[in-house]
Amino acid sequence: MNTLLTLSDDGSILAELKAKLVPSGLLQHVMIPEWKWDRVTMDFVLGLPLSPKKKDAIWVVLD
């Protein structure tokens, strides 16, 4: 990720973040479970902007 810092007219510092786009992989078929909670998928999303509680990640759970 690239960060660009600039000064505004009033002298305050402005930051602009530029994320790199990465090509996605091949599409895969999604299995349909026979019963709820039969298949659970989880993932972590890291590097997000800090929340008021100083957290920068979320835990995603799909059933």
PDB file of N, CA and C in Angstrom:
ATOM      1  N   MET A   1       0.841  -1.161   0.000  1.00  0.00           N
ATOM      2  CA  MET A   1       0.000   0.000   0.000  1.00  0.00           C
ATOM      3  C   MET A   1       0.891   1.229   0.000  1.00  0.00           C
ATOM      4  N   ASN A   2       0.568   2.198  -0.830  1.00  0.00           N
ATOM      5  CA  ASN A   2       1.333   3.434  -0.921  1.00  0.00           C
ATOM      6  C   ASN A   2       0.617   4.538  -0.160  1.00  0.00           C
ATOM      7  N   THR A   3       1.377   5.398   0.512  1.00  0.00           N
ATOM      8  CA  THR A   3       0.800   6.526   1.232  1.00  0.00           C
ATOM      9  C   THR A   3       1.369   7.808   0.657  1.00  0.00           C
ATOM     10  N   LEU A   4       0.492   8.772   0.357  1.00  0.00           N
ATOM     11  CA  LEU A   4       0.901  10.065  -0.178  1.00  0.00           C
ATOM     12  C   LEU A   4       0.507  11.128   0.828  1.00  0.00           C
ATOM     13  N   LEU A   5       1.484  11.887   1.352  1.00  0.00           N
ATOM     14  CA  LEU A   5       1.213  12.962   2.300  1.00  0.00           C
ATOM     15  C   LEU A   5       1.340  14.296   1.589  1.00  0.00           C
ATOM     16  N   THR A   6       0.359  15.175   1.786  1.00  0.00           N
ATOM     17  CA  THR A   6       0.401  16.516   1.191  1.00  0.00           C
ATOM     18  C   THR A   6      -0.034  17.537   2.232  1.00  0.00           C
ATOM     19  N   LEU A   7       0.327  18.796   2.001  1.00  0.00           N
ATOM     20  CA  LEU A   7      -0.088  19.892   2.875  1.00  0.00           C
ATOM     21  C   LEU A   7      -1.257  20.620   2.233  1.00  0.00           C
ATOM     22  N   SER A   8      -2.273  20.925   3.032  1.00  0.00           N
ATOM     23  CA  SER A   8      -3.409  21.690   2.518  1.00  0.00           C
ATOM     24  C   SER A   8      -3.097  23.179   2.649  1.00  0.00           C
ATOM     25  N   ASP A   9      -4.020  24.034   2.203  1.00  0.00           N
ATOM     26  CA  ASP A   9      -3.810  25.486   2.252  1.00  0.00           C
ATOM     27  C   ASP A   9      -3.644  26.013   3.678  1.00  0.00           C
ATOM     28  N   ASP A  10      -4.300  25.372   4.643  1.00  0.00           N
ATOM     29  CA  ASP A  10      -4.194  25.844   6.025  1.00  0.00           C
ATOM     30  C   ASP A  10      -3.022  25.207   6.780  1.00  0.00           C
ATOM     31  N   GLY A  11      -2.201  24.412   6.103  1.00  0.00           N
ATOM     32  CA  GLY A  11      -1.014  23.833   6.713  1.00  0.00           C
ATOM     33  C   GLY A  11      -1.221  22.465   7.331  1.00  0.00           C
ATOM     34  N   SER A  12      -2.440  21.935   7.293  1.00  0.00           N
ATOM     35  CA  SER A  12      -2.663  20.606   7.861  1.00  0.00           C
ATOM     36  C   SER A  12      -2.195  19.537   6.884  1.00  0.00           C
ATOM     37  N   ILE A  13      -1.863  18.380   7.416  1.00  0.00           N
ATOM     38  CA  ILE A  13      -1.336  17.283   6.604  1.00  0.00           C
ATOM     39  C   ILE A  13      -2.489  16.383   6.170  1.00  0.00           C
ATOM     40  N   LEU A  14      -2.534  16.071   4.881  1.00  0.00           N
ATOM     41  CA  LEU A  14      -3.541  15.179   4.330  1.00  0.00           C
ATOM     42  C   LEU A  14      -2.854  13.896   3.897  1.00  0.00           C
ATOM     43  N   ALA A  15      -3.480  12.752   4.146  1.00  0.00           N
ATOM     44  CA  ALA A  15      -2.921  11.459   3.750  1.00  0.00           C
ATOM     45  C   ALA A  15      -3.855  10.785   2.763  1.00  0.00           C
ATOM     46  N   GLU A  16      -3.285  10.213   1.719  1.00  0.00           N
ATOM     47  CA  GLU A  16      -4.059   9.476   0.727  1.00  0.00           C
ATOM     48  C   GLU A  16      -3.445   8.089   0.594  1.00  0.00           C
ATOM     49  N   LEU A  17      -4.253   7.069   0.796  1.00  0.00           N
ATOM     50  CA  LEU A  17      -3.777   5.696   0.689  1.00  0.00           C
ATOM     51  C   LEU A  17      -4.169   5.133  -0.663  1.00  0.00           C
ATOM     52  N   LYS A  18      -3.240   4.449  -1.307  1.00  0.00           N
ATOM     53  CA  LYS A  18      -3.510   3.818  -2.589  1.00  0.00           C
ATOM     54  C   LYS A  18      -3.247   2.324  -2.445  1.00  0.00           C
ATOM     55  N   ALA A  19      -4.298   1.525  -2.560  1.00  0.00           N
ATOM     56  CA  ALA A  19      -4.167   0.072  -2.436  1.00  0.00           C
ATOM     57  C   ALA A  19      -3.803  -0.528  -3.784  1.00  0.00           C
ATOM     58  N   LYS A  20      -3.035  -1.598  -3.749  1.00  0.00           N
ATOM     59  CA  LYS A  20      -2.686  -2.314  -4.972  1.00  0.00           C
ATOM     60  C   LYS A  20      -3.772  -3.340  -5.268  1.00  0.00           C
ATOM     61  N   LEU A  21      -4.198  -3.408  -6.514  1.00  0.00           N
ATOM     62  CA  LEU A  21      -5.185  -4.397  -6.914  1.00  0.00           C
ATOM     63  C   LEU A  21      -4.475  -5.677  -7.324  1.00  0.00           C
ATOM     64  N   VAL A  22      -4.929  -6.782  -6.775  1.00  0.00           N
ATOM     65  CA  VAL A  22      -4.358  -8.086  -7.081  1.00  0.00           C
ATOM     66  C   VAL A  22      -5.415  -8.889  -7.829  1.00  0.00           C
ATOM     67  N   PRO A  23      -5.064  -9.482  -8.973  1.00  0.00           N
ATOM     68  CA  PRO A  23      -6.063 -10.260  -9.698  1.00  0.00           C
ATOM     69  C   PRO A  23      -6.559 -11.435  -8.857  1.00  0.00           C
ATOM     70  N   SER A  24      -7.854 -11.691  -8.956  1.00  0.00           N
ATOM     71  CA  SER A  24      -8.430 -12.787  -8.179  1.00  0.00           C
ATOM     72  C   SER A  24      -8.170 -14.118  -8.870  1.00  0.00           C
ATOM     73  N   GLY A  25      -8.382 -15.192  -8.141  1.00  0.00           N
ATOM     74  CA  GLY A  25      -8.175 -16.531  -8.686  1.00  0.00           C
ATOM     75  C   GLY A  25      -9.375 -16.996  -9.495  1.00  0.00           C
ATOM     76  N   LEU A  26      -9.344 -18.246  -9.885  1.00  0.00           N
ATOM     77  CA  LEU A  26     -10.438 -18.822 -10.658  1.00  0.00           C
ATOM     78  C   LEU A  26     -11.665 -19.010  -9.778  1.00  0.00           C
ATOM     79  N   LEU A  27     -12.846 -18.920 -10.392  1.00  0.00           N
ATOM     80  CA  LEU A  27     -14.083 -19.137  -9.657  1.00  0.00           C
ATOM     81  C   LEU A  27     -14.231 -20.606  -9.297  1.00  0.00           C
ATOM     82  N   GLN A  28     -14.816 -20.866  -8.149  1.00  0.00           N
ATOM     83  CA  GLN A  28     -15.030 -22.233  -7.689  1.00  0.00           C
ATOM     84  C   GLN A  28     -16.508 -22.420  -7.370  1.00  0.00           C
ATOM     85  N   HIS A  29     -16.995 -23.638  -7.582  1.00  0.00           N
ATOM     86  CA  HIS A  29     -18.379 -23.946  -7.254  1.00  0.00           C
ATOM     87  C   HIS A  29     -18.573 -23.898  -5.745  1.00  0.00           C
ATOM     88  N   VAL A  30     -19.723 -23.400  -5.324  1.00  0.00           N
ATOM     89  CA  VAL A  30     -20.049 -23.330  -3.907  1.00  0.00           C
ATOM     90  C   VAL A  30     -20.922 -24.525  -3.555  1.00  0.00           C
ATOM     91  N   MET A  31     -20.479 -25.301  -2.556  1.00  0.00           N
ATOM     92  CA  MET A  31     -21.268 -26.450  -2.122  1.00  0.00           C
ATOM     93  C   MET A  31     -22.454 -25.968  -1.291  1.00  0.00           C
ATOM     94  N   ILE A  32     -23.624 -26.530  -1.520  1.00  0.00           N
ATOM     95  CA  ILE A  32     -24.807 -26.205  -0.735  1.00  0.00           C
ATOM     96  C   ILE A  32     -24.947 -27.273   0.349  1.00  0.00           C
ATOM     97  N   PRO A  33     -24.801 -26.882   1.623  1.00  0.00           N
ATOM     98  CA  PRO A  33     -24.873 -27.883   2.691  1.00  0.00           C
ATOM     99  C   PRO A  33     -26.289 -28.434   2.843  1.00  0.00           C
ATOM    100  N   GLU A  34     -26.382 -29.658   3.372  1.00  0.00           N
ATOM    101  CA  GLU A  34     -27.681 -30.288   3.573  1.00  0.00           C
ATOM    102  C   GLU A  34     -28.367 -29.784   4.840  1.00  0.00           C
ATOM    103  N   TRP A  35     -27.614 -29.284   5.793  1.00  0.00           N
ATOM    104  CA  TRP A  35     -28.189 -28.827   7.043  1.00  0.00           C
ATOM    105  C   TRP A  35     -27.454 -27.574   7.499  1.00  0.00           C
ATOM    106  N   LYS A  36     -28.133 -26.692   8.233  1.00  0.00           N
ATOM    107  CA  LYS A  36     -27.487 -25.468   8.702  1.00  0.00           C
ATOM    108  C   LYS A  36     -26.285 -25.799   9.591  1.00  0.00           C
ATOM    109  N   TRP A  37     -25.287 -24.987   9.519  1.00  0.00           N
ATOM    110  CA  TRP A  37     -24.028 -25.139  10.226  1.00  0.00           C
ATOM    111  C   TRP A  37     -23.292 -26.422   9.834  1.00  0.00           C
ATOM    112  N   ASP A  38     -23.665 -27.016   8.699  1.00  0.00           N
ATOM    113  CA  ASP A  38     -22.970 -28.210   8.213  1.00  0.00           C
ATOM    114  C   ASP A  38     -21.569 -27.837   7.738  1.00  0.00           C
ATOM    115  N   ARG A  39     -21.444 -26.655   7.173  1.00  0.00           N
ATOM    116  CA  ARG A  39     -20.149 -26.172   6.677  1.00  0.00           C
ATOM    117  C   ARG A  39     -19.988 -24.724   7.133  1.00  0.00           C
ATOM    118  N   VAL A  40     -18.903 -24.433   7.833  1.00  0.00           N
ATOM    119  CA  VAL A  40     -18.635 -23.091   8.347  1.00  0.00           C
ATOM    120  C   VAL A  40     -17.301 -22.629   7.779  1.00  0.00           C
ATOM    121  N   THR A  41     -17.265 -21.409   7.265  1.00  0.00           N
ATOM    122  CA  THR A  41     -16.049 -20.821   6.714  1.00  0.00           C
ATOM    123  C   THR A  41     -15.711 -19.578   7.521  1.00  0.00           C
ATOM    124  N   MET A  42     -14.423 -19.382   7.810  1.00  0.00           N
ATOM    125  CA  MET A  42     -14.020 -18.171   8.524  1.00  0.00           C
ATOM    126  C   MET A  42     -12.769 -17.589   7.884  1.00  0.00           C
ATOM    127  N   ASP A  43     -12.608 -16.290   8.062  1.00  0.00           N
ATOM    128  CA  ASP A  43     -11.460 -15.588   7.498  1.00  0.00           C
ATOM    129  C   ASP A  43     -11.198 -14.351   8.352  1.00  0.00           C
ATOM    130  N   PHE A  44      -9.974 -13.856   8.303  1.00  0.00           N
ATOM    131  CA  PHE A  44      -9.607 -12.630   8.990  1.00  0.00           C
ATOM    132  C   PHE A  44      -9.310 -11.564   7.943  1.00  0.00           C
ATOM    133  N   VAL A  45      -9.822 -10.361   8.150  1.00  0.00           N
ATOM    134  CA  VAL A  45      -9.521  -9.218   7.290  1.00  0.00           C
ATOM    135  C   VAL A  45      -8.636  -8.295   8.119  1.00  0.00           C
ATOM    136  N   LEU A  46      -7.400  -8.098   7.663  1.00  0.00           N
ATOM    137  CA  LEU A  46      -6.403  -7.331   8.413  1.00  0.00           C
ATOM    138  C   LEU A  46      -6.048  -6.045   7.687  1.00  0.00           C
ATOM    139  N   GLY A  47      -5.453  -5.114   8.409  1.00  0.00           N
ATOM    140  CA  GLY A  47      -4.944  -3.892   7.804  1.00  0.00           C
ATOM    141  C   GLY A  47      -6.004  -2.842   7.532  1.00  0.00           C
ATOM    142  N   LEU A  48      -7.115  -2.878   8.237  1.00  0.00           N
ATOM    143  CA  LEU A  48      -8.175  -1.883   8.076  1.00  0.00           C
ATOM    144  C   LEU A  48      -7.799  -0.608   8.824  1.00  0.00           C
ATOM    145  N   PRO A  49      -8.469   0.512   8.536  1.00  0.00           N
ATOM    146  CA  PRO A  49      -8.227   1.720   9.331  1.00  0.00           C
ATOM    147  C   PRO A  49      -8.572   1.460  10.803  1.00  0.00           C
ATOM    148  N   LEU A  50      -7.836   2.087  11.699  1.00  0.00           N
ATOM    149  CA  LEU A  50      -8.049   1.863  13.127  1.00  0.00           C
ATOM    150  C   LEU A  50      -9.425   2.354  13.568  1.00  0.00           C
ATOM    151  N   SER A  51     -10.072   1.544  14.391  1.00  0.00           N
ATOM    152  CA  SER A  51     -11.359   1.924  14.973  1.00  0.00           C
ATOM    153  C   SER A  51     -11.091   2.802  16.197  1.00  0.00           C
ATOM    154  N   PRO A  52     -12.141   3.384  16.793  1.00  0.00           N
ATOM    155  CA  PRO A  52     -11.920   4.169  18.019  1.00  0.00           C
ATOM    156  C   PRO A  52     -11.290   3.350  19.149  1.00  0.00           C
ATOM    157  N   LYS A  53     -11.467   2.021  19.127  1.00  0.00           N
ATOM    158  CA  LYS A  53     -10.852   1.159  20.145  1.00  0.00           C
ATOM    159  C   LYS A  53      -9.499   0.617  19.695  1.00  0.00           C
ATOM    160  N   LYS A  54      -8.914   1.216  18.638  1.00  0.00           N
ATOM    161  CA  LYS A  54      -7.569   0.876  18.139  1.00  0.00           C
ATOM    162  C   LYS A  54      -7.484  -0.539  17.578  1.00  0.00           C
ATOM    163  N   LYS A  55      -8.539  -1.007  16.926  1.00  0.00           N
ATOM    164  CA  LYS A  55      -8.551  -2.328  16.281  1.00  0.00           C
ATOM    165  C   LYS A  55      -8.474  -2.132  14.773  1.00  0.00           C
ATOM    166  N   ASP A  56      -7.746  -3.017  14.066  1.00  0.00           N
ATOM    167  CA  ASP A  56      -7.600  -2.880  12.615  1.00  0.00           C
ATOM    168  C   ASP A  56      -7.902  -4.181  11.875  1.00  0.00           C
ATOM    169  N   ALA A  57      -8.676  -5.077  12.504  1.00  0.00           N
ATOM    170  CA  ALA A  57      -8.987  -6.362  11.878  1.00  0.00           C
ATOM    171  C   ALA A  57     -10.412  -6.777  12.235  1.00  0.00           C
ATOM    172  N   ILE A  58     -10.998  -7.625  11.375  1.00  0.00           N
ATOM    173  CA  ILE A  58     -12.300  -8.216  11.686  1.00  0.00           C
ATOM    174  C   ILE A  58     -12.240  -9.707  11.405  1.00  0.00           C
ATOM    175  N   TRP A  59     -13.086 -10.448  12.073  1.00  0.00           N
ATOM    176  CA  TRP A  59     -13.202 -11.899  11.905  1.00  0.00           C
ATOM    177  C   TRP A  59     -14.526 -12.151  11.216  1.00  0.00           C
ATOM    178  N   VAL A  60     -14.490 -12.759  10.039  1.00  0.00           N
ATOM    179  CA  VAL A  60     -15.684 -13.011   9.241  1.00  0.00           C
ATOM    180  C   VAL A  60     -16.009 -14.498   9.319  1.00  0.00           C
ATOM    181  N   VAL A  61     -17.242 -14.827   9.715  1.00  0.00           N
ATOM    182  CA  VAL A  61     -17.694 -16.216   9.813  1.00  0.00           C
ATOM    183  C   VAL A  61     -18.940 -16.367   8.954  1.00  0.00           C
ATOM    184  N   LEU A  62     -18.926 -17.351   8.041  1.00  0.00           N
ATOM    185  CA  LEU A  62     -20.064 -17.636   7.169  1.00  0.00           C
ATOM    186  C   LEU A  62     -20.547 -19.047   7.434  1.00  0.00           C
ATOM    187  N   ASP A  63     -21.865 -19.199   7.518  1.00  0.00           N
ATOM    188  CA  ASP A  63     -22.406 -20.548   7.681  1.00  0.00           C
ATOM    189  C   ASP A  63     -23.169 -20.954   6.443  1.00  0.00           C
TER     190      ASP A  63
END
